Amino acid sequence: MTAEATPPAPETGAPGAEAPEARAPEAAGPHALAWQRRRRSAARFWRQYRTHRAGLVGLTALVLFALVALTAPLTVGSDVAAVTTAPGGPLEAPSGEFPLGTDRFGRDLLGLVVWGSRISLLVGLLAAVLSVVIGTVVGVTSGHFRGAYATVLMRITDWFLVMPALVLAIALATVMSRSLGTVILAIGVTSWPTTARLVRAQTLAVESRPYIERARALGGGHWHVMTRHVLPNVMPLVLAQTTLMISSSVLAEATLAFLGLGDPTVISWGGLLQDAREAGAVSAGDWWYLVPPGIAIAAVALAFTLCGRAVESVLNPRLGVAR
């Protein structure tokens, strides 16, 4: 009998022959794995977001507005709001020197609109964040604890939903001092009920899943369940709601400023409209005093709305938002 020939061992330098240690992936820690998952999720989100043409248009507009606001101290300077050093005459029509004309004090309206973007965007962002934070806390806690606590919170939420948010904001801005903090607080504490209702519904859906019962059976307390399981699952909804709330907050800030309830020491788009109203621009036909800040407010609100709808569609494809 002939002995069976054993196959020769692969040479060390042969192509395609790798040591087992080289083929095995390096062990990664939990933090590295978590960051890898976040990066993959962000990349997947961006790939889906890019398919929404309206969302890309809104994002591009927001980036431009943000650049204009951030570079305003370099492009127009802080002295653009000074009355004593106004470069033009009162209510001059648009010209080569003043592309958007001048206001009743002779200040360049283009510079005022650029400078006012800083305040309008800042107030809108901070008020929206305050509103969403309040709504998220109320929604998550009322959906988690249930019972009398949830009943009381939901009745308070219903009361805020019944009362017009703008009327409550006007009332708060009237009784408090006229400042940016007052405007932010007035908008934030009156516009959270919608977020609270949405987050509570999502919390109830998440807490009905089996892994929540397993977490509780393994000894997870209230704080662990809410922060490690419920909150990560409601954050996509919170993100989409924040984007939509910024649009409403910008409009609310412009409304309060137009009614004379804003901070008189700062320049904002709503404040420019209020100045135009006091100067009689409507009856005098000085359209350049009204149109630029009005278009800026509408453009920012539309851009945030487009971004919010696109984010909402990506995070919840069942909504079927048109692209």
Protein backbone atom coordinates (compact mmCIF):
# COMPACT_ATOMS: atom_id res chain seq x y z
CA MET A 1 0.00 0.00 0.00
CA THR A 2 1.21 3.43 -0.78
CA ALA A 3 1.09 6.09 1.94
CA GLU A 4 -1.22 8.98 1.33
CA ALA A 5 0.60 12.11 0.43
CA THR A 6 0.03 14.86 2.88
CA PRO A 7 -0.58 18.27 1.31
CA PRO A 8 2.35 20.58 1.65
CA ALA A 9 2.05 23.36 4.14
CA PRO A 10 1.65 26.79 2.57
CA GLU A 11 4.75 28.84 2.41
CA THR A 12 5.07 31.77 4.70
CA GLY A 13 5.51 34.28 1.94
CA ALA A 14 2.91 32.83 -0.44
CA PRO A 15 0.22 35.30 -1.54
CA GLY A 16 -3.12 34.83 0.14
CA ALA A 17 -1.65 32.88 3.04
CA GLU A 18 -2.24 34.82 6.25
CA ALA A 19 -1.60 33.89 9.80
CA PRO A 20 -4.70 33.35 11.93
CA GLU A 21 -3.66 36.29 14.09
CA ALA A 22 -3.65 38.57 11.02
CA ARG A 23 -7.17 37.55 9.97
CA ALA A 24 -8.72 38.03 13.40
CA PRO A 25 -9.96 41.57 13.98
CA GLU A 26 -8.52 43.45 16.84
CA ALA A 27 -10.68 43.52 19.91
CA ALA A 28 -12.29 46.92 20.36
CA GLY A 29 -13.51 48.37 23.60
CA PRO A 30 -17.16 49.24 24.26
CA HIS A 31 -16.56 52.97 23.76
CA ALA A 32 -14.91 52.39 20.38
CA LEU A 33 -17.77 50.15 19.30
CA ALA A 34 -20.28 52.76 20.42
CA TRP A 35 -18.52 55.46 18.39
CA GLN A 36 -18.42 53.17 15.36
CA ARG A 37 -22.16 52.62 15.60
CA ARG A 38 -22.74 56.36 15.92
CA ARG A 39 -20.61 57.07 12.87
CA ARG A 40 -22.43 54.45 10.84
CA SER A 41 -25.80 55.83 11.96
CA ALA A 42 -24.75 59.38 11.07
CA ALA A 43 -23.52 58.26 7.65
CA ARG A 44 -26.74 56.34 7.02
CA PHE A 45 -28.80 59.35 8.12
CA TRP A 46 -26.90 61.67 5.75
CA ARG A 47 -27.30 59.27 2.82
CA GLN A 48 -31.05 59.20 3.34
CA TYR A 49 -31.27 62.95 4.00
CA ARG A 50 -29.51 63.74 0.70
CA THR A 51 -32.38 62.12 -1.21
CA HIS A 52 -34.75 64.88 -0.02
CA ARG A 53 -34.31 67.81 -2.39
CA ALA A 54 -36.40 70.18 -0.30
CA GLY A 55 -34.37 69.29 2.79
CA LEU A 56 -31.12 70.06 0.96
CA VAL A 57 -32.49 73.42 -0.16
CA GLY A 58 -33.49 74.25 3.41
CA LEU A 59 -30.12 73.12 4.78
CA THR A 60 -28.25 75.22 2.22
CA ALA A 61 -30.32 78.27 3.13
CA LEU A 62 -29.69 77.71 6.84
CA VAL A 63 -25.95 77.41 6.30
CA LEU A 64 -25.97 80.71 4.39
CA PHE A 65 -27.98 82.45 7.10
CA ALA A 66 -25.66 81.07 9.77
CA LEU A 67 -22.60 82.33 7.89
CA VAL A 68 -24.18 85.76 7.49
CA ALA A 69 -24.98 85.92 11.22
CA LEU A 70 -21.56 84.70 12.35
CA THR A 71 -19.62 87.02 10.06
CA ALA A 72 -21.77 90.10 10.74
CA PRO A 73 -19.18 91.73 13.07
CA LEU A 74 -16.67 91.50 10.22
CA THR A 75 -18.92 92.47 7.30
CA VAL A 76 -21.05 95.29 8.75
CA GLY A 77 -19.59 95.97 12.21
CA SER A 78 -21.35 96.65 15.48
CA ASP A 79 -21.60 100.41 14.78
CA VAL A 80 -24.21 99.77 12.07
CA ALA A 81 -26.94 100.26 14.69
CA ALA A 82 -25.60 103.61 15.89
CA VAL A 83 -28.00 106.49 15.30
CA THR A 84 -25.53 109.35 15.78
CA THR A 85 -23.19 108.10 13.05
CA ALA A 86 -25.82 107.11 10.49
CA PRO A 87 -24.27 107.39 7.01
CA GLY A 88 -27.40 108.38 5.06
CA GLY A 89 -30.52 110.48 5.22
CA PRO A 90 -33.85 109.33 6.66
CA LEU A 91 -35.85 106.91 4.50
CA GLU A 92 -33.66 107.01 1.40
CA ALA A 93 -34.77 104.66 -1.38
CA PRO A 94 -32.49 101.79 -2.47
CA SER A 95 -29.46 102.99 -4.40
CA GLY A 96 -25.93 101.98 -5.24
CA GLU A 97 -24.66 103.27 -1.90
CA PHE A 98 -27.52 101.72 0.10
CA PRO A 99 -28.81 98.60 -1.73
CA LEU A 100 -31.81 98.25 0.63
CA GLY A 101 -32.26 101.94 1.42
CA THR A 102 -32.11 103.54 4.85
CA ASP A 103 -34.37 103.59 7.88
CA ARG A 104 -35.94 106.60 9.57
CA PHE A 105 -32.61 107.44 11.26
CA GLY A 106 -30.55 107.16 8.07
CA ARG A 107 -28.97 103.79 8.94
CA ASP A 108 -28.13 101.30 6.20
CA LEU A 109 -30.97 98.75 6.12
CA LEU A 110 -28.80 96.05 4.56
CA GLY A 111 -26.42 96.25 7.50
CA LEU A 112 -29.33 96.27 9.95
CA VAL A 113 -30.87 93.16 8.38
CA VAL A 114 -27.52 91.37 8.48
CA TRP A 115 -26.93 92.38 12.10
CA GLY A 116 -30.49 91.54 13.10
CA SER A 117 -30.03 87.96 11.92
CA ARG A 118 -27.82 87.33 14.95
CA ILE A 119 -30.55 88.16 17.45
CA SER A 120 -33.43 86.55 15.58
CA LEU A 121 -31.60 83.25 15.06
CA LEU A 122 -30.19 83.22 18.60
CA VAL A 123 -33.56 83.84 20.24
CA GLY A 124 -35.27 81.31 17.98
CA LEU A 125 -32.68 78.63 18.73
CA LEU A 126 -32.57 79.14 22.51
CA ALA A 127 -36.36 79.40 22.83
CA ALA A 128 -36.83 76.22 20.80
CA VAL A 129 -34.26 74.34 22.90
CA LEU A 130 -35.96 75.48 26.12
CA SER A 131 -39.36 74.45 24.80
CA VAL A 132 -38.16 71.02 23.64
CA VAL A 133 -36.31 70.35 26.90
CA ILE A 134 -39.43 71.10 28.96
CA GLY A 135 -41.62 69.03 26.64
CA THR A 136 -39.18 66.10 26.67
CA VAL A 137 -38.92 66.02 30.46
CA VAL A 138 -42.69 66.22 30.87
CA GLY A 139 -43.34 63.64 28.14
CA VAL A 140 -40.78 61.06 29.32
CA THR A 141 -41.62 61.30 33.03
CA SER A 142 -45.39 61.26 32.52
CA GLY A 143 -45.12 58.29 30.17
CA HIS A 144 -42.86 56.41 32.57
CA PHE A 145 -44.44 56.97 35.98
CA ARG A 146 -48.15 56.99 35.01
CA GLY A 147 -50.69 57.30 37.83
CA ALA A 148 -51.62 60.57 39.53
CA TYR A 149 -48.33 62.22 38.52
CA ALA A 150 -49.02 61.65 34.83
CA THR A 151 -52.65 62.73 35.20
CA VAL A 152 -51.69 66.07 36.76
CA LEU A 153 -49.01 66.75 34.14
CA MET A 154 -51.33 65.91 31.27
CA ARG A 155 -54.08 68.17 32.61
CA ILE A 156 -51.54 71.02 32.81
CA THR A 157 -50.43 70.19 29.28
CA ASP A 158 -54.04 70.24 28.07
CA TRP A 159 -54.52 73.66 29.65
CA PHE A 160 -51.50 75.03 27.79
CA LEU A 161 -52.75 73.44 24.57
CA VAL A 162 -56.15 75.12 24.91
CA MET A 163 -54.69 78.55 25.64
CA PRO A 164 -53.14 80.30 22.60
CA ALA A 165 -49.37 80.21 22.99
CA LEU A 166 -48.91 83.68 21.51
CA VAL A 167 -51.38 85.22 23.96
CA LEU A 168 -49.56 83.61 26.90
CA ALA A 169 -46.21 84.77 25.54
CA ILE A 170 -47.53 88.33 25.18
CA ALA A 171 -48.84 88.23 28.75
CA LEU A 172 -45.49 87.03 30.12
CA ALA A 173 -43.51 89.54 28.07
CA THR A 174 -45.81 92.32 29.29
CA VAL A 175 -45.45 91.65 33.03
CA MET A 176 -41.70 90.97 32.91
CA SER A 177 -38.82 93.26 32.02
CA ARG A 178 -38.16 93.86 28.33
CA SER A 179 -35.05 91.82 27.54
CA LEU A 180 -33.88 88.93 25.38
CA GLY A 181 -34.12 86.60 28.35
CA THR A 182 -37.77 87.53 28.80
CA VAL A 183 -38.55 86.85 25.14
CA ILE A 184 -36.77 83.47 25.24
CA LEU A 185 -38.56 82.51 28.46
CA ALA A 186 -41.96 83.67 27.19
CA ILE A 187 -41.66 81.63 24.00
CA GLY A 188 -40.09 78.57 25.62
CA VAL A 189 -42.52 78.09 28.51
CA THR A 190 -45.61 78.49 26.34
CA SER A 191 -44.78 76.27 23.35
CA TRP A 192 -43.77 72.95 24.94
CA PRO A 193 -47.15 71.07 25.16
CA THR A 194 -47.03 69.68 21.61
CA THR A 195 -43.58 68.22 22.22
CA ALA A 196 -44.73 66.77 25.55
CA ARG A 197 -47.67 65.00 23.94
CA LEU A 198 -45.55 63.53 21.14
CA VAL A 199 -42.77 62.39 23.47
CA ARG A 200 -45.22 60.83 25.92
CA ALA A 201 -46.85 58.80 23.14
CA GLN A 202 -43.43 57.59 21.99
CA THR A 203 -42.44 56.79 25.59
CA LEU A 204 -45.54 54.65 26.10
CA ALA A 205 -44.74 52.76 22.88
CA VAL A 206 -41.13 52.17 23.93
CA GLU A 207 -41.97 51.02 27.46
CA SER A 208 -44.35 48.37 26.11
CA ARG A 209 -41.47 46.51 24.46
CA PRO A 210 -40.04 43.31 25.99
CA TYR A 211 -36.50 44.58 26.58
CA ILE A 212 -37.85 47.18 29.03
CA GLU A 213 -39.32 44.36 31.13
CA ARG A 214 -36.00 42.51 30.99
CA ALA A 215 -34.16 45.66 32.10
CA ARG A 216 -36.47 46.01 35.09
CA ALA A 217 -36.18 42.31 35.92
CA LEU A 218 -32.40 42.67 35.97
CA GLY A 219 -32.65 45.45 38.54
CA GLY A 220 -32.76 48.57 36.36
CA GLY A 221 -34.28 51.50 38.22
CA HIS A 222 -36.38 54.37 36.95
CA TRP A 223 -33.39 56.54 36.06
CA HIS A 224 -31.67 53.68 34.20
CA VAL A 225 -34.76 52.83 32.17
CA MET A 226 -35.52 56.44 31.25
CA THR A 227 -31.95 57.49 30.35
CA ARG A 228 -30.55 54.29 28.84
CA HIS A 229 -33.58 52.87 27.06
CA VAL A 230 -36.41 55.39 26.68
CA LEU A 231 -34.50 58.61 25.97
CA PRO A 232 -32.30 57.20 23.14
CA ASN A 233 -35.44 55.92 21.42
CA VAL A 234 -37.29 59.25 21.63
CA MET A 235 -34.28 61.40 20.65
CA PRO A 236 -34.96 61.15 16.88
CA LEU A 237 -38.44 62.55 17.50
CA VAL A 238 -36.97 65.25 19.75
CA LEU A 239 -34.46 66.21 17.04
CA ALA A 240 -37.14 66.57 14.40
CA GLN A 241 -39.37 68.52 16.79
CA THR A 242 -36.50 70.88 17.68
CA THR A 243 -35.94 71.72 14.03
CA LEU A 244 -39.62 72.50 13.56
CA MET A 245 -39.83 74.48 16.81
CA ILE A 246 -37.02 76.83 15.77
CA SER A 247 -39.18 78.00 12.88
CA SER A 248 -42.10 78.75 15.21
CA SER A 249 -39.80 80.45 17.71
CA VAL A 250 -38.34 82.78 15.07
CA LEU A 251 -41.86 83.79 14.04
CA ALA A 252 -42.90 84.27 17.68
CA GLU A 253 -39.87 86.45 18.39
CA ALA A 254 -40.65 88.59 15.36
CA THR A 255 -44.25 88.93 16.49
CA LEU A 256 -43.31 89.99 20.03
CA ALA A 257 -40.76 92.48 18.72
CA PHE A 258 -43.27 93.84 16.19
CA LEU A 259 -45.73 94.42 19.06
CA GLY A 260 -43.08 96.36 20.95
CA LEU A 261 -42.46 93.65 23.58
CA GLY A 262 -38.89 92.83 22.57
CA ASP A 263 -35.63 94.25 23.84
CA PRO A 264 -35.41 97.85 22.55
CA THR A 265 -31.62 97.89 22.90
CA VAL A 266 -30.95 95.23 20.25
CA ILE A 267 -31.61 94.96 16.53
CA SER A 268 -33.77 92.09 15.29
CA TRP A 269 -35.91 91.49 12.22
CA GLY A 270 -39.10 91.90 14.23
CA GLY A 271 -37.72 95.09 15.74
CA LEU A 272 -37.07 96.48 12.26
CA LEU A 273 -40.69 95.81 11.32
CA GLN A 274 -41.81 97.57 14.49
CA ASP A 275 -39.62 100.58 13.64
CA ALA A 276 -41.11 100.64 10.14
CA ARG A 277 -44.62 100.62 11.57
CA GLU A 278 -43.81 103.50 13.93
CA ALA A 279 -42.24 105.46 11.05
CA GLY A 280 -45.42 105.08 8.97
CA ALA A 281 -43.70 103.13 6.21
CA VAL A 282 -46.92 101.35 5.24
CA SER A 283 -48.92 104.50 4.58
CA ALA A 284 -45.95 106.32 3.04
CA GLY A 285 -45.18 103.50 0.63
CA ASP A 286 -41.61 102.97 1.87
CA TRP A 287 -41.60 99.33 0.87
CA TRP A 288 -37.84 98.88 1.33
CA TYR A 289 -38.34 99.41 5.08
CA LEU A 290 -40.76 96.47 5.36
CA VAL A 291 -39.90 93.93 2.67
CA PRO A 292 -36.27 92.91 3.52
CA PRO A 293 -36.82 91.92 7.19
CA GLY A 294 -40.14 90.30 6.28
CA ILE A 295 -38.54 88.21 3.55
CA ALA A 296 -35.70 87.24 5.91
CA ILE A 297 -38.16 86.02 8.57
CA ALA A 298 -40.18 84.05 6.02
CA ALA A 299 -37.05 82.53 4.43
CA VAL A 300 -35.60 81.34 7.75
CA ALA A 301 -38.92 79.91 8.90
CA LEU A 302 -39.35 78.09 5.58
CA ALA A 303 -35.78 76.74 5.65
CA PHE A 304 -36.18 75.31 9.16
CA THR A 305 -39.53 73.81 8.19
CA LEU A 306 -38.04 72.12 5.12
CA CYS A 307 -35.18 70.71 7.19
CA GLY A 308 -37.55 69.56 9.91
CA ARG A 309 -39.83 67.75 7.48
CA ALA A 310 -36.86 66.05 5.84
CA VAL A 311 -35.44 64.94 9.20
CA GLU A 312 -38.87 63.71 10.23
CA SER A 313 -39.20 61.71 7.01
CA VAL A 314 -35.76 60.12 7.41
CA LEU A 315 -36.30 59.16 11.04
CA ASN A 316 -39.83 57.91 10.44
CA PRO A 317 -40.21 56.75 6.81
CA ARG A 318 -43.82 55.74 7.43
CA LEU A 319 -44.80 59.41 7.39
CA GLY A 320 -44.38 59.44 3.63
CA VAL A 321 -43.23 63.04 3.41
CA ALA A 322 -42.79 64.12 -0.22
CA ARG A 323 -39.23 64.60 -1.37
